[in-house]
Amino acid sequence: MDLSLSAYEHCELCPRKCGARRLDGKAGICGATATLRVARAALHFWEEPPISGEAGSGAIFFSGCPLRCVFCQNHEISQEGFGLEVTAERLSQMMVELEAQGALNINLVTPLHYAPHVVQAVDMARAQGMTLPIVCNTSGYERPELVEALADVVDVWLTDYKYASSRLAGALSAAPDYPELAHASLAVMRDALRAHGGRRADPDGPDGLPGRLLKGIVVRHLVLPGHVDDSCAVLDRVWELCCNEVDLSVMNQYTPNDRCRLRGGDLARGVTNEEYEAVLDHADELGFDRMWWQQGGTVSESFVPAFDATGVLAAEDATNPGVH
């Protein structure tokens, strides 16, 4: 798959294959042109323990997203376009700067509609001596061909698996093909991990703190209110495909946004303790060894950082953001 900047000429990087002429300044369904936009670059402490540890993950949040999830908590950047224009060179510098701040990894959040820029920037950062693992934090809605093309760039896949039902995926993310593509992409991630020798992590730290993940896959699933059956079906699909080759993260941080409150129904409320426990029990029954969960009362806004362009500008530009 072409990962040069010419991929933006008639863009088919994501499953939408919208054909946007991004090099001519036309935005795709993802909301992005060929101009790279980043909303935040800073240490992030709210990922799974083998990603954030105690030092924090070096998270870089990109603008735009191919999905249109009605419950999205990052809508400022995913759907409303917030972010500053940067070059691939500046993106590479952010990676180097995050390593200097003590980040455990470089955590690229929803980056793959900018895959050509990402590959360039990682290569440049490596040339400058950056040695951290590259984490691809993705919605799971990817073309398997793109995942395969990035197999030698990405060290850790931090991927969502949102739905087993195409009907639900269509209703909530405008992507009825989501289950098919998430499954196919996860299979490519699994095969790439096997080809690179399997899961690898630093030794566990004191008090049982898990070691930093160096190579691996973390599959995330957000439990939605009223949809326990679909959550359990997702876990069935992940187990059938990967068993314990992946870490599993079952999230309890759904919080209805204004759009969901207006829709009414189950999405206007939070997940009950009974719903969440039912999904965790099913994961236990399947046999997942490495599973991460969240304590009751979690509110998803508490995991959403301020999208204020922290860390995006170079030091010499920080006092004059208008240059971008």
C-alpha atoms as a PDB file:
ATOM      1  CA  MET A   1       0.000   0.000   0.000  1.00  0.00           C
ATOM      2  CA  ASP A   2       1.304   3.438  -0.948  1.00  0.00           C
ATOM      3  CA  LEU A   3       2.397   5.380   2.141  1.00  0.00           C
ATOM      4  CA  SER A   4       3.997   8.285   0.305  1.00  0.00           C
ATOM      5  CA  LEU A   5       2.340  11.702   0.333  1.00  0.00           C
ATOM      6  CA  SER A   6       0.847  10.865  -3.068  1.00  0.00           C
ATOM      7  CA  ALA A   7      -1.652   8.691  -1.163  1.00  0.00           C
ATOM      8  CA  TYR A   8      -3.453  11.970  -0.431  1.00  0.00           C
ATOM      9  CA  GLU A   9      -4.029  12.669  -4.137  1.00  0.00           C
ATOM     10  CA  HIS A  10      -7.124  10.437  -4.271  1.00  0.00           C
ATOM     11  CA  CYS A  11      -7.374   9.271  -0.691  1.00  0.00           C
ATOM     12  CA  GLU A  12      -8.333   5.685   0.087  1.00  0.00           C
ATOM     13  CA  LEU A  13      -6.358   5.319   3.302  1.00  0.00           C
ATOM     14  CA  CYS A  14      -9.365   4.437   5.450  1.00  0.00           C
ATOM     15  CA  PRO A  15     -12.304   2.086   4.810  1.00  0.00           C
ATOM     16  CA  ARG A  16     -14.450   4.987   3.594  1.00  0.00           C
ATOM     17  CA  LYS A  17     -12.290   5.210   0.439  1.00  0.00           C
ATOM     18  CA  CYS A  18     -13.847   8.612  -0.172  1.00  0.00           C
ATOM     19  CA  GLY A  19     -11.320   9.574  -2.837  1.00  0.00           C
ATOM     20  CA  ALA A  20     -10.873  13.106  -1.467  1.00  0.00           C
ATOM     21  CA  ARG A  21      -8.213  15.144  -3.245  1.00  0.00           C
ATOM     22  CA  ARG A  22      -6.524  16.056  -0.013  1.00  0.00           C
ATOM     23  CA  LEU A  23      -3.401  17.436  -1.719  1.00  0.00           C
ATOM     24  CA  ASP A  24      -5.687  20.037  -3.323  1.00  0.00           C
ATOM     25  CA  GLY A  25      -6.988  21.074   0.080  1.00  0.00           C
ATOM     26  CA  LYS A  26     -10.189  19.015  -0.068  1.00  0.00           C
ATOM     27  CA  ALA A  27     -11.085  17.350   3.237  1.00  0.00           C
ATOM     28  CA  GLY A  28     -12.031  13.693   3.332  1.00  0.00           C
ATOM     29  CA  ILE A  29     -14.802  12.177   5.420  1.00  0.00           C
ATOM     30  CA  CYS A  30     -12.193  12.117   8.205  1.00  0.00           C
ATOM     31  CA  GLY A  31     -12.212  15.926   8.130  1.00  0.00           C
ATOM     32  CA  ALA A  32      -8.553  16.173   7.147  1.00  0.00           C
ATOM     33  CA  THR A  33      -6.752  17.592   4.135  1.00  0.00           C
ATOM     34  CA  ALA A  34      -3.101  16.797   3.425  1.00  0.00           C
ATOM     35  CA  THR A  35      -2.118  19.369   6.066  1.00  0.00           C
ATOM     36  CA  LEU A  36      -1.151  17.615   9.274  1.00  0.00           C
ATOM     37  CA  ARG A  37      -3.021  18.886  12.353  1.00  0.00           C
ATOM     38  CA  VAL A  38      -2.249  18.009  15.969  1.00  0.00           C
ATOM     39  CA  ALA A  39      -4.258  19.014  19.052  1.00  0.00           C
ATOM     40  CA  ARG A  40      -1.964  18.008  21.929  1.00  0.00           C
ATOM     41  CA  ALA A  41       1.397  16.372  22.651  1.00  0.00           C
ATOM     42  CA  ALA A  42       2.014  15.630  26.330  1.00  0.00           C
ATOM     43  CA  LEU A  43       2.472  12.946  28.951  1.00  0.00           C
ATOM     44  CA  HIS A  44      -0.777  11.023  29.430  1.00  0.00           C
ATOM     45  CA  PHE A  45      -1.482   8.990  32.558  1.00  0.00           C
ATOM     46  CA  TRP A  46      -4.876   7.423  31.852  1.00  0.00           C
ATOM     47  CA  GLU A  47      -4.055   4.568  29.497  1.00  0.00           C
ATOM     48  CA  GLU A  48      -3.781   0.927  30.547  1.00  0.00           C
ATOM     49  CA  PRO A  49      -0.993   0.204  33.096  1.00  0.00           C
ATOM     50  CA  PRO A  50       1.474  -1.333  30.596  1.00  0.00           C
ATOM     51  CA  ILE A  51       1.060   1.752  28.392  1.00  0.00           C
ATOM     52  CA  SER A  52       1.082   4.623  30.919  1.00  0.00           C
ATOM     53  CA  GLY A  53       2.852   3.026  33.873  1.00  0.00           C
ATOM     54  CA  GLU A  54       3.762   5.676  36.430  1.00  0.00           C
ATOM     55  CA  ALA A  55       5.839   7.864  34.107  1.00  0.00           C
ATOM     56  CA  GLY A  56       3.115   8.460  31.505  1.00  0.00           C
ATOM     57  CA  SER A  57       2.633   7.754  27.842  1.00  0.00           C
ATOM     58  CA  GLY A  58       3.812  10.294  25.266  1.00  0.00           C
ATOM     59  CA  ALA A  59       0.429  10.957  23.690  1.00  0.00           C
ATOM     60  CA  ILE A  60       0.053  12.898  20.452  1.00  0.00           C
ATOM     61  CA  PHE A  61      -3.575  13.617  19.576  1.00  0.00           C
ATOM     62  CA  PHE A  62      -4.369  14.096  15.880  1.00  0.00           C
ATOM     63  CA  SER A  63      -7.307  16.031  14.443  1.00  0.00           C
ATOM     64  CA  GLY A  64     -10.006  14.234  12.492  1.00  0.00           C
ATOM     65  CA  CYS A  65     -11.407  10.697  12.444  1.00  0.00           C
ATOM     66  CA  PRO A  66     -13.037   8.452   9.814  1.00  0.00           C
ATOM     67  CA  LEU A  67     -15.750   7.392  12.293  1.00  0.00           C
ATOM     68  CA  ARG A  68     -18.703   9.486  13.431  1.00  0.00           C
ATOM     69  CA  CYS A  69     -19.504   7.924  16.807  1.00  0.00           C
ATOM     70  CA  VAL A  70     -22.511   9.633  18.388  1.00  0.00           C
ATOM     71  CA  PHE A  71     -21.018   9.135  21.867  1.00  0.00           C
ATOM     72  CA  CYS A  72     -17.506  10.432  21.089  1.00  0.00           C
ATOM     73  CA  GLN A  73     -15.889  12.240  24.021  1.00  0.00           C
ATOM     74  CA  ASN A  74     -13.075  13.674  21.871  1.00  0.00           C
ATOM     75  CA  HIS A  75     -15.485  15.417  19.480  1.00  0.00           C
ATOM     76  CA  GLU A  76     -13.508  18.683  19.667  1.00  0.00           C
ATOM     77  CA  ILE A  77     -10.717  17.060  17.690  1.00  0.00           C
ATOM     78  CA  SER A  78     -12.410  14.076  16.021  1.00  0.00           C
ATOM     79  CA  GLN A  79     -15.391  15.910  14.517  1.00  0.00           C
ATOM     80  CA  GLU A  80     -14.938  19.635  15.118  1.00  0.00           C
ATOM     81  CA  GLY A  81     -11.450  19.982  13.674  1.00  0.00           C
ATOM     82  CA  PHE A  82      -9.492  21.531  16.532  1.00  0.00           C
ATOM     83  CA  GLY A  83      -5.731  21.333  16.033  1.00  0.00           C
ATOM     84  CA  LEU A  84      -2.742  23.300  14.842  1.00  0.00           C
ATOM     85  CA  GLU A  85      -1.038  22.834  11.498  1.00  0.00           C
ATOM     86  CA  VAL A  86       2.388  21.205  11.781  1.00  0.00           C
ATOM     87  CA  THR A  87       4.926  19.583   9.500  1.00  0.00           C
ATOM     88  CA  ALA A  88       6.216  16.021   9.648  1.00  0.00           C
ATOM     89  CA  GLU A  89       9.499  17.489  10.885  1.00  0.00           C
ATOM     90  CA  ARG A  90       7.727  19.159  13.806  1.00  0.00           C
ATOM     91  CA  LEU A  91       5.864  15.923  14.560  1.00  0.00           C
ATOM     92  CA  SER A  92       9.189  14.105  14.771  1.00  0.00           C
ATOM     93  CA  GLN A  93      10.490  16.766  17.175  1.00  0.00           C
ATOM     94  CA  MET A  94       7.438  16.240  19.416  1.00  0.00           C
ATOM     95  CA  MET A  95       8.412  12.568  19.689  1.00  0.00           C
ATOM     96  CA  VAL A  96      11.965  13.442  20.661  1.00  0.00           C
ATOM     97  CA  GLU A  97      10.718  16.011  23.189  1.00  0.00           C
ATOM     98  CA  LEU A  98       8.325  13.502  24.780  1.00  0.00           C
ATOM     99  CA  GLU A  99      11.161  11.016  25.187  1.00  0.00           C
ATOM    100  CA  ALA A 100      13.179  13.728  26.945  1.00  0.00           C
ATOM    101  CA  GLN A 101      10.225  14.280  29.313  1.00  0.00           C
ATOM    102  CA  GLY A 102      10.394  10.623  30.364  1.00  0.00           C
ATOM    103  CA  ALA A 103       7.556   9.168  28.286  1.00  0.00           C
ATOM    104  CA  LEU A 104       7.375   5.367  28.196  1.00  0.00           C
ATOM    105  CA  ASN A 105       6.361   5.333  24.537  1.00  0.00           C
ATOM    106  CA  ILE A 106       5.077   7.489  21.697  1.00  0.00           C
ATOM    107  CA  ASN A 107       1.303   7.102  21.710  1.00  0.00           C
ATOM    108  CA  LEU A 108      -0.216   8.203  18.391  1.00  0.00           C
ATOM    109  CA  VAL A 109      -3.926   8.798  18.996  1.00  0.00           C
ATOM    110  CA  THR A 110      -6.160   8.300  15.924  1.00  0.00           C
ATOM    111  CA  PRO A 111      -3.281   8.865  13.491  1.00  0.00           C
ATOM    112  CA  LEU A 112      -3.859   6.645  10.479  1.00  0.00           C
ATOM    113  CA  HIS A 113      -5.671   9.099   8.215  1.00  0.00           C
ATOM    114  CA  TYR A 114      -2.244  10.805   8.364  1.00  0.00           C
ATOM    115  CA  ALA A 115      -0.285   7.568   7.830  1.00  0.00           C
ATOM    116  CA  PRO A 116       2.159   9.025   5.247  1.00  0.00           C
ATOM    117  CA  HIS A 117       3.122  11.847   7.617  1.00  0.00           C
ATOM    118  CA  VAL A 118       3.358   9.439  10.556  1.00  0.00           C
ATOM    119  CA  VAL A 119       5.786   7.138   8.739  1.00  0.00           C
ATOM    120  CA  GLN A 120       7.943  10.110   7.738  1.00  0.00           C
ATOM    121  CA  ALA A 121       7.969  11.504  11.278  1.00  0.00           C
ATOM    122  CA  VAL A 122       8.813   8.184  12.955  1.00  0.00           C
ATOM    123  CA  ASP A 123      11.691   7.686  10.532  1.00  0.00           C
ATOM    124  CA  MET A 124      13.010  11.181  11.266  1.00  0.00           C
ATOM    125  CA  ALA A 125      12.653  10.740  15.029  1.00  0.00           C
ATOM    126  CA  ARG A 126      14.495   7.424  14.898  1.00  0.00           C
ATOM    127  CA  ALA A 127      17.272   9.120  12.903  1.00  0.00           C
ATOM    128  CA  GLN A 128      17.551  11.686  15.722  1.00  0.00           C
ATOM    129  CA  GLY A 129      18.029   8.878  18.250  1.00  0.00           C
ATOM    130  CA  MET A 130      14.474   8.397  19.561  1.00  0.00           C
ATOM    131  CA  THR A 131      14.205   4.809  20.823  1.00  0.00           C
ATOM    132  CA  LEU A 132      10.725   4.565  22.351  1.00  0.00           C
ATOM    133  CA  PRO A 133       8.116   2.008  21.252  1.00  0.00           C
ATOM    134  CA  ILE A 134       5.502   3.382  18.866  1.00  0.00           C
ATOM    135  CA  VAL A 135       1.925   2.843  20.049  1.00  0.00           C
ATOM    136  CA  CYS A 136      -0.885   3.154  17.497  1.00  0.00           C
ATOM    137  CA  ASN A 137      -4.034   4.137  19.386  1.00  0.00           C
ATOM    138  CA  THR A 138      -6.793   3.414  16.883  1.00  0.00           C
ATOM    139  CA  SER A 139     -10.557   3.069  16.639  1.00  0.00           C
ATOM    140  CA  GLY A 140     -10.167  -0.318  14.971  1.00  0.00           C
ATOM    141  CA  TYR A 141     -11.815   1.002  11.815  1.00  0.00           C
ATOM    142  CA  GLU A 142      -8.865   0.528   9.495  1.00  0.00           C
ATOM    143  CA  ARG A 143      -8.106  -1.052   6.167  1.00  0.00           C
ATOM    144  CA  PRO A 144      -6.203  -4.293   6.877  1.00  0.00           C
ATOM    145  CA  GLU A 145      -3.833  -3.399   4.050  1.00  0.00           C
ATOM    146  CA  LEU A 146      -2.811  -0.247   5.891  1.00  0.00           C
ATOM    147  CA  VAL A 147      -2.266  -2.142   9.133  1.00  0.00           C
ATOM    148  CA  GLU A 148      -0.033  -4.588   7.260  1.00  0.00           C
ATOM    149  CA  ALA A 149       1.931  -1.746   5.661  1.00  0.00           C
ATOM    150  CA  LEU A 150       2.663  -0.339   9.130  1.00  0.00           C
ATOM    151  CA  ALA A 151       3.779  -3.635  10.664  1.00  0.00           C
ATOM    152  CA  ASP A 152       7.423  -2.538  10.852  1.00  0.00           C
ATOM    153  CA  VAL A 153       6.586   0.954  12.170  1.00  0.00           C
ATOM    154  CA  VAL A 154       4.122   0.185  14.974  1.00  0.00           C
ATOM    155  CA  ASP A 155       5.320  -1.722  18.037  1.00  0.00           C
ATOM    156  CA  VAL A 156       2.098  -1.785  20.056  1.00  0.00           C
ATOM    157  CA  TRP A 157      -1.437  -1.728  18.708  1.00  0.00           C
ATOM    158  CA  LEU A 158      -3.854  -0.122  21.175  1.00  0.00           C
ATOM    159  CA  THR A 159      -7.003  -0.859  19.214  1.00  0.00           C
ATOM    160  CA  ASP A 160     -10.701  -0.561  19.873  1.00  0.00           C
ATOM    161  CA  TYR A 161     -13.123  -3.334  19.016  1.00  0.00           C
ATOM    162  CA  LYS A 162     -16.389  -1.455  19.413  1.00  0.00           C
ATOM    163  CA  TYR A 163     -19.115  -3.659  17.955  1.00  0.00           C
ATOM    164  CA  ALA A 164     -19.963  -7.177  16.843  1.00  0.00           C
ATOM    165  CA  SER A 165     -23.260  -6.033  15.328  1.00  0.00           C
ATOM    166  CA  SER A 166     -23.191  -4.280  11.958  1.00  0.00           C
ATOM    167  CA  ARG A 167     -26.615  -2.807  12.759  1.00  0.00           C
ATOM    168  CA  LEU A 168     -25.306  -1.218  15.947  1.00  0.00           C
ATOM    169  CA  ALA A 169     -22.140  -0.021  14.209  1.00  0.00           C
ATOM    170  CA  GLY A 170     -24.243   1.620  11.521  1.00  0.00           C
ATOM    171  CA  ALA A 171     -26.563   3.287  14.001  1.00  0.00           C
ATOM    172  CA  LEU A 172     -23.883   4.624  16.356  1.00  0.00           C
ATOM    173  CA  SER A 173     -20.820   5.155  14.127  1.00  0.00           C
ATOM    174  CA  ALA A 174     -22.261   5.333  10.594  1.00  0.00           C
ATOM    175  CA  ALA A 175     -20.082   2.325   9.727  1.00  0.00           C
ATOM    176  CA  PRO A 176     -22.024  -0.938   9.295  1.00  0.00           C
ATOM    177  CA  ASP A 177     -18.834  -2.546   7.960  1.00  0.00           C
ATOM    178  CA  TYR A 178     -17.024  -1.833  11.247  1.00  0.00           C
ATOM    179  CA  PRO A 179     -17.207  -5.392  12.719  1.00  0.00           C
ATOM    180  CA  GLU A 180     -15.851  -6.971   9.547  1.00  0.00           C
ATOM    181  CA  LEU A 181     -12.967  -4.523   9.230  1.00  0.00           C
ATOM    182  CA  ALA A 182     -12.084  -4.455  12.924  1.00  0.00           C
ATOM    183  CA  HIS A 183     -11.859  -8.240  12.900  1.00  0.00           C
ATOM    184  CA  ALA A 184      -9.784  -8.390   9.727  1.00  0.00           C
ATOM    185  CA  SER A 185      -7.431  -5.670  10.992  1.00  0.00           C
ATOM    186  CA  LEU A 186      -6.999  -7.419  14.340  1.00  0.00           C
ATOM    187  CA  ALA A 187      -6.046 -10.595  12.490  1.00  0.00           C
ATOM    188  CA  VAL A 188      -3.318  -8.657  10.641  1.00  0.00           C
ATOM    189  CA  MET A 189      -2.084  -7.160  13.928  1.00  0.00           C
ATOM    190  CA  ARG A 190      -1.931 -10.646  15.450  1.00  0.00           C
ATOM    191  CA  ASP A 191      -0.003 -12.046  12.489  1.00  0.00           C
ATOM    192  CA  ALA A 192       2.432  -9.116  12.542  1.00  0.00           C
ATOM    193  CA  LEU A 193       3.002  -9.609  16.263  1.00  0.00           C
ATOM    194  CA  ARG A 194       3.744 -13.288  15.703  1.00  0.00           C
ATOM    195  CA  ALA A 195       6.177 -12.395  12.917  1.00  0.00           C
ATOM    196  CA  HIS A 196       8.025 -10.077  15.338  1.00  0.00           C
ATOM    197  CA  GLY A 197       8.377 -12.726  18.035  1.00  0.00           C
ATOM    198  CA  GLY A 198       5.201 -12.186  20.042  1.00  0.00           C
ATOM    199  CA  ARG A 199       4.372 -10.055  23.048  1.00  0.00           C
ATOM    200  CA  ARG A 200       7.318  -8.482  24.844  1.00  0.00           C
ATOM    201  CA  ALA A 201       7.379  -6.293  27.952  1.00  0.00           C
ATOM    202  CA  ASP A 202       9.776  -4.914  30.515  1.00  0.00           C
ATOM    203  CA  PRO A 203       9.913  -6.835  33.824  1.00  0.00           C
ATOM    204  CA  ASP A 204       7.153  -6.037  36.289  1.00  0.00           C
ATOM    205  CA  GLY A 205       7.929  -3.253  38.705  1.00  0.00           C
ATOM    206  CA  PRO A 206       7.493  -2.972  42.475  1.00  0.00           C
ATOM    207  CA  ASP A 207       4.068  -3.658  43.989  1.00  0.00           C
ATOM    208  CA  GLY A 208       3.099  -5.696  40.952  1.00  0.00           C
ATOM    209  CA  LEU A 209       3.038  -2.745  38.540  1.00  0.00           C
ATOM    210  CA  PRO A 210       3.136  -4.310  35.060  1.00  0.00           C
ATOM    211  CA  GLY A 211       6.184  -3.655  32.956  1.00  0.00           C
ATOM    212  CA  ARG A 212       6.040  -1.367  29.951  1.00  0.00           C
ATOM    213  CA  LEU A 213       4.678  -3.086  26.848  1.00  0.00           C
ATOM    214  CA  LEU A 214       7.341  -3.113  24.131  1.00  0.00           C
ATOM    215  CA  LYS A 215       5.609  -5.301  21.537  1.00  0.00           C
ATOM    216  CA  GLY A 216       2.009  -6.341  21.701  1.00  0.00           C
ATOM    217  CA  ILE A 217      -1.698  -5.716  21.204  1.00  0.00           C
ATOM    218  CA  VAL A 218      -4.162  -4.239  23.671  1.00  0.00           C
ATOM    219  CA  VAL A 219      -7.782  -4.659  22.558  1.00  0.00           C
ATOM    220  CA  ARG A 220     -10.129  -2.127  24.095  1.00  0.00           C
ATOM    221  CA  HIS A 221     -13.868  -2.499  24.367  1.00  0.00           C
ATOM    222  CA  LEU A 222     -16.141   0.216  25.738  1.00  0.00           C
ATOM    223  CA  VAL A 223     -19.258  -1.257  27.355  1.00  0.00           C
ATOM    224  CA  LEU A 224     -22.343   0.623  26.174  1.00  0.00           C
ATOM    225  CA  PRO A 225     -25.543   0.855  28.225  1.00  0.00           C
ATOM    226  CA  GLY A 226     -28.198  -1.569  27.042  1.00  0.00           C
ATOM    227  CA  HIS A 227     -25.814  -3.551  24.847  1.00  0.00           C
ATOM    228  CA  VAL A 228     -24.293  -6.225  27.080  1.00  0.00           C
ATOM    229  CA  ASP A 229     -25.085  -8.919  24.511  1.00  0.00           C
ATOM    230  CA  ASP A 230     -23.046  -7.132  21.851  1.00  0.00           C
ATOM    231  CA  SER A 231     -20.173  -6.603  24.300  1.00  0.00           C
ATOM    232  CA  CYS A 232     -20.078 -10.312  25.051  1.00  0.00           C
ATOM    233  CA  ALA A 233     -20.188 -11.079  21.328  1.00  0.00           C
ATOM    234  CA  VAL A 234     -17.178  -8.795  20.802  1.00  0.00           C
ATOM    235  CA  LEU A 235     -15.238 -10.671  23.481  1.00  0.00           C
ATOM    236  CA  ASP A 236     -16.186 -13.980  21.842  1.00  0.00           C
ATOM    237  CA  ARG A 237     -14.765 -12.762  18.531  1.00  0.00           C
ATOM    238  CA  VAL A 238     -11.540 -11.492  20.108  1.00  0.00           C
ATOM    239  CA  TRP A 239     -11.014 -14.747  22.014  1.00  0.00           C
ATOM    240  CA  GLU A 240     -11.690 -16.900  18.958  1.00  0.00           C
ATOM    241  CA  LEU A 241      -9.157 -14.925  16.934  1.00  0.00           C
ATOM    242  CA  CYS A 242      -6.417 -14.218  19.473  1.00  0.00           C
ATOM    243  CA  CYS A 243      -6.988 -16.026  22.775  1.00  0.00           C
ATOM    244  CA  ASN A 244      -4.290 -14.749  25.155  1.00  0.00           C
ATOM    245  CA  GLU A 245      -2.046 -13.291  22.485  1.00  0.00           C
ATOM    246  CA  VAL A 246      -3.637  -9.934  23.334  1.00  0.00           C
ATOM    247  CA  ASP A 247      -4.229  -7.911  26.469  1.00  0.00           C
ATOM    248  CA  LEU A 248      -7.910  -7.083  26.963  1.00  0.00           C
ATOM    249  CA  SER A 249      -9.181  -3.765  28.312  1.00  0.00           C
ATOM    250  CA  VAL A 250     -12.876  -3.660  29.255  1.00  0.00           C
ATOM    251  CA  MET A 251     -13.805  -0.020  29.798  1.00  0.00           C
ATOM    252  CA  ASN A 252     -16.487   1.397  32.069  1.00  0.00           C
ATOM    253  CA  GLN A 253     -16.089   5.050  31.133  1.00  0.00           C
ATOM    254  CA  TYR A 254     -19.122   5.621  28.923  1.00  0.00           C
ATOM    255  CA  THR A 255     -20.683   8.994  29.714  1.00  0.00           C
ATOM    256  CA  PRO A 256     -23.594  10.359  27.656  1.00  0.00           C
ATOM    257  CA  ASN A 257     -22.764  13.568  25.833  1.00  0.00           C
ATOM    258  CA  ASP A 258     -25.377  16.154  24.877  1.00  0.00           C
ATOM    259  CA  ARG A 259     -26.122  14.381  21.611  1.00  0.00           C
ATOM    260  CA  CYS A 260     -26.828  11.097  23.398  1.00  0.00           C
ATOM    261  CA  ARG A 261     -28.995  12.780  26.000  1.00  0.00           C
ATOM    262  CA  LEU A 262     -31.102  14.271  23.219  1.00  0.00           C
ATOM    263  CA  ARG A 263     -31.460  10.861  21.543  1.00  0.00           C
ATOM    264  CA  GLY A 264     -32.821   9.403  24.758  1.00  0.00           C
ATOM    265  CA  GLY A 265     -33.064   5.678  25.437  1.00  0.00           C
ATOM    266  CA  ASP A 266     -30.239   3.642  26.914  1.00  0.00           C
ATOM    267  CA  LEU A 267     -27.515   5.913  25.543  1.00  0.00           C
ATOM    268  CA  ALA A 268     -28.830   8.765  27.673  1.00  0.00           C
ATOM    269  CA  ARG A 269     -27.700   6.977  30.846  1.00  0.00           C
ATOM    270  CA  GLY A 270     -24.516   5.427  32.164  1.00  0.00           C
ATOM    271  CA  VAL A 271     -23.580   1.753  32.323  1.00  0.00           C
ATOM    272  CA  THR A 272     -24.946   0.009  35.410  1.00  0.00           C
ATOM    273  CA  ASN A 273     -22.716  -2.007  37.722  1.00  0.00           C
ATOM    274  CA  GLU A 274     -24.689  -5.111  36.747  1.00  0.00           C
ATOM    275  CA  GLU A 275     -24.055  -4.541  33.037  1.00  0.00           C
ATOM    276  CA  TYR A 276     -20.344  -3.995  33.510  1.00  0.00           C
ATOM    277  CA  GLU A 277     -19.944  -6.980  35.835  1.00  0.00           C
ATOM    278  CA  ALA A 278     -21.751  -9.202  33.327  1.00  0.00           C
ATOM    279  CA  VAL A 279     -19.186  -8.330  30.645  1.00  0.00           C
ATOM    280  CA  LEU A 280     -16.252  -8.826  33.028  1.00  0.00           C
ATOM    281  CA  ASP A 281     -17.664 -12.186  34.091  1.00  0.00           C
ATOM    282  CA  HIS A 282     -17.895 -13.255  30.465  1.00  0.00           C
ATOM    283  CA  ALA A 283     -14.269 -12.269  29.864  1.00  0.00           C
ATOM    284  CA  ASP A 284     -13.259 -14.364  32.874  1.00  0.00           C
ATOM    285  CA  GLU A 285     -15.248 -17.319  31.580  1.00  0.00           C
ATOM    286  CA  LEU A 286     -13.520 -17.111  28.211  1.00  0.00           C
ATOM    287  CA  GLY A 287     -10.112 -17.256  29.915  1.00  0.00           C
ATOM    288  CA  PHE A 288      -8.373 -13.923  29.274  1.00  0.00           C
ATOM    289  CA  ASP A 289      -5.209 -13.835  31.400  1.00  0.00           C
ATOM    290  CA  ARG A 290      -4.206 -10.185  30.986  1.00  0.00           C
ATOM    291  CA  MET A 291      -7.312  -8.087  31.470  1.00  0.00           C
ATOM    292  CA  TRP A 292      -7.648  -4.480  32.542  1.00  0.00           C
ATOM    293  CA  TRP A 293     -10.825  -3.023  33.985  1.00  0.00           C
ATOM    294  CA  GLN A 294     -12.008   0.206  35.571  1.00  0.00           C
ATOM    295  CA  GLN A 295     -13.498   0.738  38.982  1.00  0.00           C
ATOM    296  CA  GLY A 296     -17.148   1.696  39.304  1.00  0.00           C
ATOM    297  CA  GLY A 297     -18.078   5.347  39.087  1.00  0.00           C
ATOM    298  CA  THR A 298     -15.631   6.062  36.256  1.00  0.00           C
ATOM    299  CA  VAL A 299     -16.579   9.151  34.276  1.00  0.00           C
ATOM    300  CA  SER A 300     -15.147   9.351  30.789  1.00  0.00           C
ATOM    301  CA  GLU A 301     -14.544  13.108  30.865  1.00  0.00           C
ATOM    302  CA  SER A 302     -11.940  12.439  33.554  1.00  0.00           C
ATOM    303  CA  PHE A 303      -9.913  10.598  30.903  1.00  0.00           C
ATOM    304  CA  VAL A 304     -10.199  13.366  28.311  1.00  0.00           C
ATOM    305  CA  PRO A 305      -7.320  15.867  28.447  1.00  0.00           C
ATOM    306  CA  ALA A 306      -7.650  19.542  27.655  1.00  0.00           C
ATOM    307  CA  PHE A 307      -7.241  19.956  23.920  1.00  0.00           C
ATOM    308  CA  ASP A 308      -5.320  23.209  24.170  1.00  0.00           C
ATOM    309  CA  ALA A 309      -2.391  22.579  21.806  1.00  0.00           C
ATOM    310  CA  THR A 310      -0.048  21.760  24.690  1.00  0.00           C
ATOM    311  CA  GLY A 311       3.296  20.626  23.285  1.00  0.00           C
ATOM    312  CA  VAL A 312       2.352  21.171  19.653  1.00  0.00           C
ATOM    313  CA  LEU A 313       4.307  24.332  18.916  1.00  0.00           C
ATOM    314  CA  ALA A 314       8.081  24.391  18.904  1.00  0.00           C
ATOM    315  CA  ALA A 315       9.565  26.384  21.783  1.00  0.00           C
ATOM    316  CA  GLU A 316      10.514  29.258  19.502  1.00  0.00           C
ATOM    317  CA  ASP A 317       6.951  29.456  18.171  1.00  0.00           C
ATOM    318  CA  ALA A 318       5.118  29.074  21.482  1.00  0.00           C
ATOM    319  CA  THR A 319       4.931  32.823  22.065  1.00  0.00           C
ATOM    320  CA  ASN A 320       3.688  33.420  18.532  1.00  0.00           C
ATOM    321  CA  PRO A 321       1.132  30.717  17.710  1.00  0.00           C
ATOM    322  CA  GLY A 322      -0.171  32.760  14.814  1.00  0.00           C
ATOM    323  CA  VAL A 323       2.768  31.601  12.700  1.00  0.00           C
ATOM    324  CA  HIS A 324       0.867  28.385  12.066  1.00  0.00           C
END
